[in-house]
């Protein structure tokens, strides 16, 4: 079973990775996904206050904005697949 911390780490990794690969600034991604920038920063732990657990609706909105299926954002990062 996946913990909340693992879920958050995975979503954060894939959002950063896919946004970078597609050349989308994280602030623009938040706007396009219809989520608040503060929500994005908390998810990505930009302010080093500890990440917040993503809501399912947030994961779905980010997946739509990145043009991927939601499960793509919860796959293990490459370094965790072994």
PDB file of N, CA and C in Angstrom:
ATOM      1  N   UNK A   1       0.845  -1.183   0.000  1.00  0.00           N
ATOM      2  CA  UNK A   1       0.000   0.000   0.000  1.00  0.00           C
ATOM      3  C   UNK A   1       0.891   1.248   0.000  1.00  0.00           C
ATOM      4  N   UNK A   2       0.507   2.214  -0.786  1.00  0.00           N
ATOM      5  CA  UNK A   2       1.258   3.463  -0.900  1.00  0.00           C
ATOM      6  C   UNK A   2       0.883   4.415   0.239  1.00  0.00           C
ATOM      7  N   UNK A   3       1.899   5.018   0.850  1.00  0.00           N
ATOM      8  CA  UNK A   3       1.644   6.001   1.902  1.00  0.00           C
ATOM      9  C   UNK A   3       1.361   7.364   1.267  1.00  0.00           C
ATOM     10  N   UNK A   4       0.831   8.293   2.058  1.00  0.00           N
ATOM     11  CA  UNK A   4       0.591   9.654   1.574  1.00  0.00           C
ATOM     12  C   UNK A   4       1.893  10.311   1.147  1.00  0.00           C
ATOM     13  N   UNK A   5       2.957  10.062   1.899  1.00  0.00           N
ATOM     14  CA  UNK A   5       4.260  10.650   1.565  1.00  0.00           C
ATOM     15  C   UNK A   5       4.758  10.124   0.218  1.00  0.00           C
ATOM     16  N   UNK A   6       4.584   8.835  -0.041  1.00  0.00           N
ATOM     17  CA  UNK A   6       4.993   8.268  -1.328  1.00  0.00           C
ATOM     18  C   UNK A   6       4.177   8.860  -2.470  1.00  0.00           C
ATOM     19  N   UNK A   7       2.873   8.980  -2.266  1.00  0.00           N
ATOM     20  CA  UNK A   7       2.005   9.559  -3.286  1.00  0.00           C
ATOM     21  C   UNK A   7       2.439  10.988  -3.605  1.00  0.00           C
ATOM     22  N   UNK A   8       2.664  11.773  -2.576  1.00  0.00           N
ATOM     23  CA  UNK A   8       3.066  13.159  -2.771  1.00  0.00           C
ATOM     24  C   UNK A   8       4.395  13.241  -3.514  1.00  0.00           C
ATOM     25  N   UNK A   9       5.341  12.395  -3.131  1.00  0.00           N
ATOM     26  CA  UNK A   9       6.657  12.386  -3.778  1.00  0.00           C
ATOM     27  C   UNK A   9       6.521  12.039  -5.264  1.00  0.00           C
ATOM     28  N   UNK A  10       5.692  11.062  -5.568  1.00  0.00           N
ATOM     29  CA  UNK A  10       5.514  10.643  -6.958  1.00  0.00           C
ATOM     30  C   UNK A  10       4.865  11.741  -7.790  1.00  0.00           C
ATOM     31  N   UNK A  11       3.784  12.305  -7.286  1.00  0.00           N
ATOM     32  CA  UNK A  11       3.092  13.361  -8.028  1.00  0.00           C
ATOM     33  C   UNK A  11       4.031  14.544  -8.237  1.00  0.00           C
ATOM     34  N   UNK A  12       4.747  14.933  -7.209  1.00  0.00           N
ATOM     35  CA  UNK A  12       5.681  16.051  -7.316  1.00  0.00           C
ATOM     36  C   UNK A  12       6.750  15.770  -8.369  1.00  0.00           C
ATOM     37  N   UNK A  13       7.330  14.565  -8.326  1.00  0.00           N
ATOM     38  CA  UNK A  13       8.354  14.211  -9.312  1.00  0.00           C
ATOM     39  C   UNK A  13       7.806  14.315 -10.731  1.00  0.00           C
ATOM     40  N   UNK A  14       6.664  13.674 -10.981  1.00  0.00           N
ATOM     41  CA  UNK A  14       6.146  13.628 -12.357  1.00  0.00           C
ATOM     42  C   UNK A  14       5.641  14.979 -12.848  1.00  0.00           C
ATOM     43  N   UNK A  15       5.072  15.776 -11.966  1.00  0.00           N
ATOM     44  CA  UNK A  15       4.638  17.115 -12.381  1.00  0.00           C
ATOM     45  C   UNK A  15       5.850  17.931 -12.812  1.00  0.00           C
ATOM     46  N   UNK A  16       6.890  17.929 -12.008  1.00  0.00           N
ATOM     47  CA  UNK A  16       8.113  18.672 -12.371  1.00  0.00           C
ATOM     48  C   UNK A  16       8.724  18.123 -13.667  1.00  0.00           C
ATOM     49  N   UNK A  17       8.833  16.797 -13.748  1.00  0.00           N
ATOM     50  CA  UNK A  17       9.459  16.162 -14.907  1.00  0.00           C
ATOM     51  C   UNK A  17       8.676  16.447 -16.193  1.00  0.00           C
ATOM     52  N   UNK A  18       7.383  16.200 -16.168  1.00  0.00           N
ATOM     53  CA  UNK A  18       6.583  16.375 -17.382  1.00  0.00           C
ATOM     54  C   UNK A  18       6.446  17.837 -17.776  1.00  0.00           C
ATOM     55  N   UNK A  19       6.291  18.710 -16.791  1.00  0.00           N
ATOM     56  CA  UNK A  19       6.206  20.142 -17.106  1.00  0.00           C
ATOM     57  C   UNK A  19       7.510  20.604 -17.748  1.00  0.00           C
ATOM     58  N   UNK A  20       8.646  20.173 -17.189  1.00  0.00           N
ATOM     59  CA  UNK A  20       9.940  20.533 -17.762  1.00  0.00           C
ATOM     60  C   UNK A  20      10.116  19.989 -19.167  1.00  0.00           C
ATOM     61  N   UNK A  21       9.729  18.750 -19.365  1.00  0.00           N
ATOM     62  CA  UNK A  21       9.847  18.103 -20.673  1.00  0.00           C
ATOM     63  C   UNK A  21       8.998  18.818 -21.725  1.00  0.00           C
ATOM     64  N   UNK A  22       7.844  19.322 -21.300  1.00  0.00           N
ATOM     65  CA  UNK A  22       6.938  20.008 -22.221  1.00  0.00           C
ATOM     66  C   UNK A  22       7.189  21.512 -22.277  1.00  0.00           C
ATOM     67  N   UNK A  23       8.137  21.992 -21.468  1.00  0.00           N
ATOM     68  CA  UNK A  23       8.465  23.413 -21.474  1.00  0.00           C
ATOM     69  C   UNK A  23       7.385  24.295 -20.872  1.00  0.00           C
ATOM     70  N   UNK A  24       6.681  23.764 -19.883  1.00  0.00           N
ATOM     71  CA  UNK A  24       5.596  24.507 -19.239  1.00  0.00           C
ATOM     72  C   UNK A  24       6.072  24.995 -17.879  1.00  0.00           C
ATOM     73  N   UNK A  25       6.013  26.288 -17.652  1.00  0.00           N
ATOM     74  CA  UNK A  25       6.360  26.839 -16.338  1.00  0.00           C
ATOM     75  C   UNK A  25       5.335  26.350 -15.318  1.00  0.00           C
ATOM     76  N   UNK A  26       5.798  26.059 -14.116  1.00  0.00           N
ATOM     77  CA  UNK A  26       4.909  25.515 -13.091  1.00  0.00           C
ATOM     78  C   UNK A  26       3.759  26.464 -12.752  1.00  0.00           C
ATOM     79  N   UNK A  27       4.019  27.754 -12.753  1.00  0.00           N
ATOM     80  CA  UNK A  27       2.947  28.729 -12.487  1.00  0.00           C
ATOM     81  C   UNK A  27       1.895  28.669 -13.586  1.00  0.00           C
ATOM     82  N   UNK A  28       2.334  28.534 -14.827  1.00  0.00           N
ATOM     83  CA  UNK A  28       1.383  28.427 -15.937  1.00  0.00           C
ATOM     84  C   UNK A  28       0.625  27.102 -15.885  1.00  0.00           C
ATOM     85  N   UNK A  29       1.308  26.049 -15.471  1.00  0.00           N
ATOM     86  CA  UNK A  29       0.647  24.755 -15.332  1.00  0.00           C
ATOM     87  C   UNK A  29      -0.464  24.841 -14.295  1.00  0.00           C
ATOM     88  N   UNK A  30      -0.182  25.466 -13.165  1.00  0.00           N
ATOM     89  CA  UNK A  30      -1.207  25.636 -12.130  1.00  0.00           C
ATOM     90  C   UNK A  30      -2.404  26.396 -12.691  1.00  0.00           C
ATOM     91  N   UNK A  31      -2.136  27.479 -13.404  1.00  0.00           N
ATOM     92  CA  UNK A  31      -3.221  28.270 -13.991  1.00  0.00           C
ATOM     93  C   UNK A  31      -4.027  27.443 -14.988  1.00  0.00           C
ATOM     94  N   UNK A  32      -3.320  26.718 -15.855  1.00  0.00           N
ATOM     95  CA  UNK A  32      -3.986  25.906 -16.888  1.00  0.00           C
ATOM     96  C   UNK A  32      -4.801  24.771 -16.256  1.00  0.00           C
ATOM     97  N   UNK A  33      -4.298  24.236 -15.151  1.00  0.00           N
ATOM     98  CA  UNK A  33      -5.003  23.154 -14.465  1.00  0.00           C
ATOM     99  C   UNK A  33      -6.178  23.664 -13.642  1.00  0.00           C
ATOM    100  N   UNK A  34      -6.212  24.978 -13.422  1.00  0.00           N
ATOM    101  CA  UNK A  34      -7.294  25.545 -12.621  1.00  0.00           C
ATOM    102  C   UNK A  34      -7.106  25.326 -11.127  1.00  0.00           C
ATOM    103  N   UNK A  35      -5.845  25.175 -10.722  1.00  0.00           N
ATOM    104  CA  UNK A  35      -5.572  25.050  -9.291  1.00  0.00           C
ATOM    105  C   UNK A  35      -4.786  26.284  -8.853  1.00  0.00           C
ATOM    106  N   UNK A  36      -4.875  26.600  -7.606  1.00  0.00           N
ATOM    107  CA  UNK A  36      -4.163  27.771  -7.108  1.00  0.00           C
ATOM    108  C   UNK A  36      -2.661  27.548  -7.115  1.00  0.00           C
ATOM    109  N   UNK A  37      -1.942  28.615  -7.323  1.00  0.00           N
ATOM    110  CA  UNK A  37      -0.484  28.510  -7.300  1.00  0.00           C
ATOM    111  C   UNK A  37       0.008  28.089  -5.922  1.00  0.00           C
ATOM    112  N   UNK A  38      -0.670  28.535  -4.880  1.00  0.00           N
ATOM    113  CA  UNK A  38      -0.295  28.124  -3.528  1.00  0.00           C
ATOM    114  C   UNK A  38      -0.448  26.617  -3.375  1.00  0.00           C
ATOM    115  N   UNK A  39      -1.510  26.059  -3.945  1.00  0.00           N
ATOM    116  CA  UNK A  39      -1.697  24.603  -3.924  1.00  0.00           C
ATOM    117  C   UNK A  39      -0.538  23.926  -4.636  1.00  0.00           C
ATOM    118  N   UNK A  40      -0.142  24.460  -5.774  1.00  0.00           N
ATOM    119  CA  UNK A  40       0.977  23.889  -6.529  1.00  0.00           C
ATOM    120  C   UNK A  40       2.256  23.957  -5.701  1.00  0.00           C
ATOM    121  N   UNK A  41       2.526  25.118  -5.112  1.00  0.00           N
ATOM    122  CA  UNK A  41       3.769  25.273  -4.341  1.00  0.00           C
ATOM    123  C   UNK A  41       3.788  24.332  -3.138  1.00  0.00           C
ATOM    124  N   UNK A  42       2.641  24.158  -2.501  1.00  0.00           N
ATOM    125  CA  UNK A  42       2.577  23.242  -1.350  1.00  0.00           C
ATOM    126  C   UNK A  42       2.794  21.803  -1.799  1.00  0.00           C
ATOM    127  N   UNK A  43       2.215  21.435  -2.919  1.00  0.00           N
ATOM    128  CA  UNK A  43       2.395  20.085  -3.447  1.00  0.00           C
ATOM    129  C   UNK A  43       3.861  19.825  -3.762  1.00  0.00           C
ATOM    130  N   UNK A  44       4.521  20.811  -4.340  1.00  0.00           N
ATOM    131  CA  UNK A  44       5.919  20.655  -4.746  1.00  0.00           C
ATOM    132  C   UNK A  44       6.896  21.023  -3.637  1.00  0.00           C
ATOM    133  N   UNK A  45       6.373  21.461  -2.492  1.00  0.00           N
ATOM    134  CA  UNK A  45       7.178  21.836  -1.325  1.00  0.00           C
ATOM    135  C   UNK A  45       8.199  22.922  -1.668  1.00  0.00           C
ATOM    136  N   UNK A  46       7.764  23.914  -2.422  1.00  0.00           N
ATOM    137  CA  UNK A  46       8.647  24.991  -2.850  1.00  0.00           C
ATOM    138  C   UNK A  46       9.169  25.796  -1.670  1.00  0.00           C
ATOM    139  N   UNK A  47       8.370  25.982  -0.654  1.00  0.00           N
ATOM    140  CA  UNK A  47       8.771  26.811   0.486  1.00  0.00           C
ATOM    141  C   UNK A  47       9.404  26.005   1.614  1.00  0.00           C
ATOM    142  N   UNK A  48       9.700  24.736   1.369  1.00  0.00           N
ATOM    143  CA  UNK A  48      10.337  23.862   2.359  1.00  0.00           C
ATOM    144  C   UNK A  48       9.586  23.794   3.688  1.00  0.00           C
ATOM    145  N   UNK A  49       8.270  23.885   3.628  1.00  0.00           N
ATOM    146  CA  UNK A  49       7.456  23.761   4.839  1.00  0.00           C
ATOM    147  C   UNK A  49       6.891  22.346   4.966  1.00  0.00           C
ATOM    148  N   UNK A  50       7.242  21.502   4.046  1.00  0.00           N
ATOM    149  CA  UNK A  50       6.683  20.155   4.010  1.00  0.00           C
ATOM    150  C   UNK A  50       5.566  20.107   2.997  1.00  0.00           C
ATOM    151  N   UNK A  51       5.595  19.113   2.128  1.00  0.00           N
ATOM    152  CA  UNK A  51       4.580  19.040   1.079  1.00  0.00           C
ATOM    153  C   UNK A  51       3.211  18.707   1.643  1.00  0.00           C
ATOM    154  N   UNK A  52       2.193  19.102   0.903  1.00  0.00           N
ATOM    155  CA  UNK A  52       0.838  18.745   1.291  1.00  0.00           C
ATOM    156  C   UNK A  52       0.399  17.561   0.440  1.00  0.00           C
ATOM    157  N   UNK A  53      -0.477  16.758   0.985  1.00  0.00           N
ATOM    158  CA  UNK A  53      -0.997  15.610   0.249  1.00  0.00           C
ATOM    159  C   UNK A  53      -1.940  16.104  -0.842  1.00  0.00           C
ATOM    160  N   UNK A  54      -1.756  15.615  -2.069  1.00  0.00           N
ATOM    161  CA  UNK A  54      -2.618  16.078  -3.154  1.00  0.00           C
ATOM    162  C   UNK A  54      -4.007  15.450  -3.095  1.00  0.00           C
ATOM    163  N   UNK A  55      -4.991  16.229  -3.411  1.00  0.00           N
ATOM    164  CA  UNK A  55      -6.351  15.711  -3.549  1.00  0.00           C
ATOM    165  C   UNK A  55      -6.453  15.011  -4.896  1.00  0.00           C
ATOM    166  N   UNK A  56      -7.363  14.081  -4.987  1.00  0.00           N
ATOM    167  CA  UNK A  56      -7.587  13.382  -6.241  1.00  0.00           C
ATOM    168  C   UNK A  56      -7.965  14.363  -7.343  1.00  0.00           C
ATOM    169  N   UNK A  57      -8.762  15.355  -7.012  1.00  0.00           N
ATOM    170  CA  UNK A  57      -9.167  16.350  -8.009  1.00  0.00           C
ATOM    171  C   UNK A  57      -7.976  17.163  -8.504  1.00  0.00           C
ATOM    172  N   UNK A  58      -6.995  17.403  -7.632  1.00  0.00           N
ATOM    173  CA  UNK A  58      -5.788  18.129  -8.032  1.00  0.00           C
ATOM    174  C   UNK A  58      -4.947  17.280  -8.971  1.00  0.00           C
ATOM    175  N   UNK A  59      -4.787  16.008  -8.636  1.00  0.00           N
ATOM    176  CA  UNK A  59      -4.030  15.096  -9.503  1.00  0.00           C
ATOM    177  C   UNK A  59      -4.707  15.008 -10.869  1.00  0.00           C
ATOM    178  N   UNK A  60      -6.021  14.880 -10.892  1.00  0.00           N
ATOM    179  CA  UNK A  60      -6.755  14.790 -12.160  1.00  0.00           C
ATOM    180  C   UNK A  60      -6.611  16.071 -12.973  1.00  0.00           C
ATOM    181  N   UNK A  61      -6.685  17.218 -12.329  1.00  0.00           N
ATOM    182  CA  UNK A  61      -6.560  18.501 -13.039  1.00  0.00           C
ATOM    183  C   UNK A  61      -5.157  18.670 -13.613  1.00  0.00           C
ATOM    184  N   UNK A  62      -4.141  18.290 -12.851  1.00  0.00           N
ATOM    185  CA  UNK A  62      -2.765  18.385 -13.343  1.00  0.00           C
ATOM    186  C   UNK A  62      -2.540  17.414 -14.506  1.00  0.00           C
ATOM    187  N   UNK A  63      -3.094  16.232 -14.405  1.00  0.00           N
ATOM    188  CA  UNK A  63      -2.960  15.258 -15.491  1.00  0.00           C
ATOM    189  C   UNK A  63      -3.598  15.791 -16.774  1.00  0.00           C
ATOM    190  N   UNK A  64      -4.788  16.359 -16.666  1.00  0.00           N
ATOM    191  CA  UNK A  64      -5.449  16.947 -17.854  1.00  0.00           C
ATOM    192  C   UNK A  64      -4.584  18.045 -18.453  1.00  0.00           C
ATOM    193  N   UNK A  65      -4.052  18.908 -17.606  1.00  0.00           N
ATOM    194  CA  UNK A  65      -3.238  20.026 -18.091  1.00  0.00           C
ATOM    195  C   UNK A  65      -1.943  19.545 -18.739  1.00  0.00           C
ATOM    196  N   UNK A  66      -1.430  18.397 -18.283  1.00  0.00           N
ATOM    197  CA  UNK A  66      -0.205  17.838 -18.848  1.00  0.00           C
ATOM    198  C   UNK A  66      -0.483  16.860 -19.992  1.00  0.00           C
ATOM    199  N   UNK A  67      -1.771  16.616 -20.263  1.00  0.00           N
ATOM    200  CA  UNK A  67      -2.210  15.717 -21.334  1.00  0.00           C
ATOM    201  C   UNK A  67      -1.706  14.291 -21.108  1.00  0.00           C
ATOM    202  N   UNK A  68      -1.866  13.827 -19.863  1.00  0.00           N
ATOM    203  CA  UNK A  68      -1.537  12.448 -19.507  1.00  0.00           C
ATOM    204  C   UNK A  68      -2.689  11.880 -18.682  1.00  0.00           C
ATOM    205  N   UNK A  69      -2.713  10.572 -18.555  1.00  0.00           N
ATOM    206  CA  UNK A  69      -3.693   9.924 -17.684  1.00  0.00           C
ATOM    207  C   UNK A  69      -3.286  10.158 -16.228  1.00  0.00           C
ATOM    208  N   UNK A  70      -4.235  10.284 -15.312  1.00  0.00           N
ATOM    209  CA  UNK A  70      -3.888  10.521 -13.904  1.00  0.00           C
ATOM    210  C   UNK A  70      -2.926   9.490 -13.329  1.00  0.00           C
ATOM    211  N   UNK A  71      -3.055   8.234 -13.726  1.00  0.00           N
ATOM    212  CA  UNK A  71      -2.162   7.215 -13.169  1.00  0.00           C
ATOM    213  C   UNK A  71      -0.710   7.465 -13.539  1.00  0.00           C
ATOM    214  N   UNK A  72      -0.460   8.225 -14.608  1.00  0.00           N
ATOM    215  CA  UNK A  72       0.922   8.560 -14.980  1.00  0.00           C
ATOM    216  C   UNK A  72       1.604   9.387 -13.896  1.00  0.00           C
ATOM    217  N   UNK A  73       0.823  10.121 -13.111  1.00  0.00           N
ATOM    218  CA  UNK A  73       1.394  10.969 -12.069  1.00  0.00           C
ATOM    219  C   UNK A  73       1.634  10.225 -10.761  1.00  0.00           C
ATOM    220  N   UNK A  74       1.190   8.970 -10.689  1.00  0.00           N
ATOM    221  CA  UNK A  74       1.418   8.223  -9.450  1.00  0.00           C
ATOM    222  C   UNK A  74       2.300   6.989  -9.678  1.00  0.00           C
ATOM    223  N   UNK A  75       2.851   6.869 -10.871  1.00  0.00           N
ATOM    224  CA  UNK A  75       3.809   5.798 -11.145  1.00  0.00           C
ATOM    225  C   UNK A  75       5.083   6.061 -10.343  1.00  0.00           C
ATOM    226  N   UNK A  76       5.800   5.007  -9.969  1.00  0.00           N
ATOM    227  CA  UNK A  76       7.077   5.224  -9.281  1.00  0.00           C
ATOM    228  C   UNK A  76       8.057   5.961 -10.193  1.00  0.00           C
ATOM    229  N   UNK A  77       8.838   6.899  -9.657  1.00  0.00           N
ATOM    230  CA  UNK A  77       9.880   7.533 -10.453  1.00  0.00           C
ATOM    231  C   UNK A  77      10.886   6.476 -10.915  1.00  0.00           C
ATOM    232  N   UNK A  78      11.630   6.757 -11.974  1.00  0.00           N
ATOM    233  CA  UNK A  78      12.572   5.762 -12.500  1.00  0.00           C
ATOM    234  C   UNK A  78      13.534   5.201 -11.452  1.00  0.00           C
ATOM    235  N   UNK A  79      14.010   6.034 -10.543  1.00  0.00           N
ATOM    236  CA  UNK A  79      14.982   5.544  -9.555  1.00  0.00           C
ATOM    237  C   UNK A  79      14.344   4.608  -8.530  1.00  0.00           C
ATOM    238  N   UNK A  80      13.004   4.576  -8.446  1.00  0.00           N
ATOM    239  CA  UNK A  80      12.304   3.710  -7.480  1.00  0.00           C
ATOM    240  C   UNK A  80      11.780   2.420  -8.108  1.00  0.00           C
ATOM    241  N   UNK A  81      12.006   2.220  -9.379  1.00  0.00           N
ATOM    242  CA  UNK A  81      11.403   1.076 -10.071  1.00  0.00           C
ATOM    243  C   UNK A  81      12.186  -0.220  -9.919  1.00  0.00           C
ATOM    244  N   UNK A  82      13.345  -0.192  -9.396  1.00  0.00           N
ATOM    245  CA  UNK A  82      14.147  -1.424  -9.284  1.00  0.00           C
ATOM    246  C   UNK A  82      13.852  -2.176  -8.020  1.00  0.00           C
TER     247      UNK A  82
END
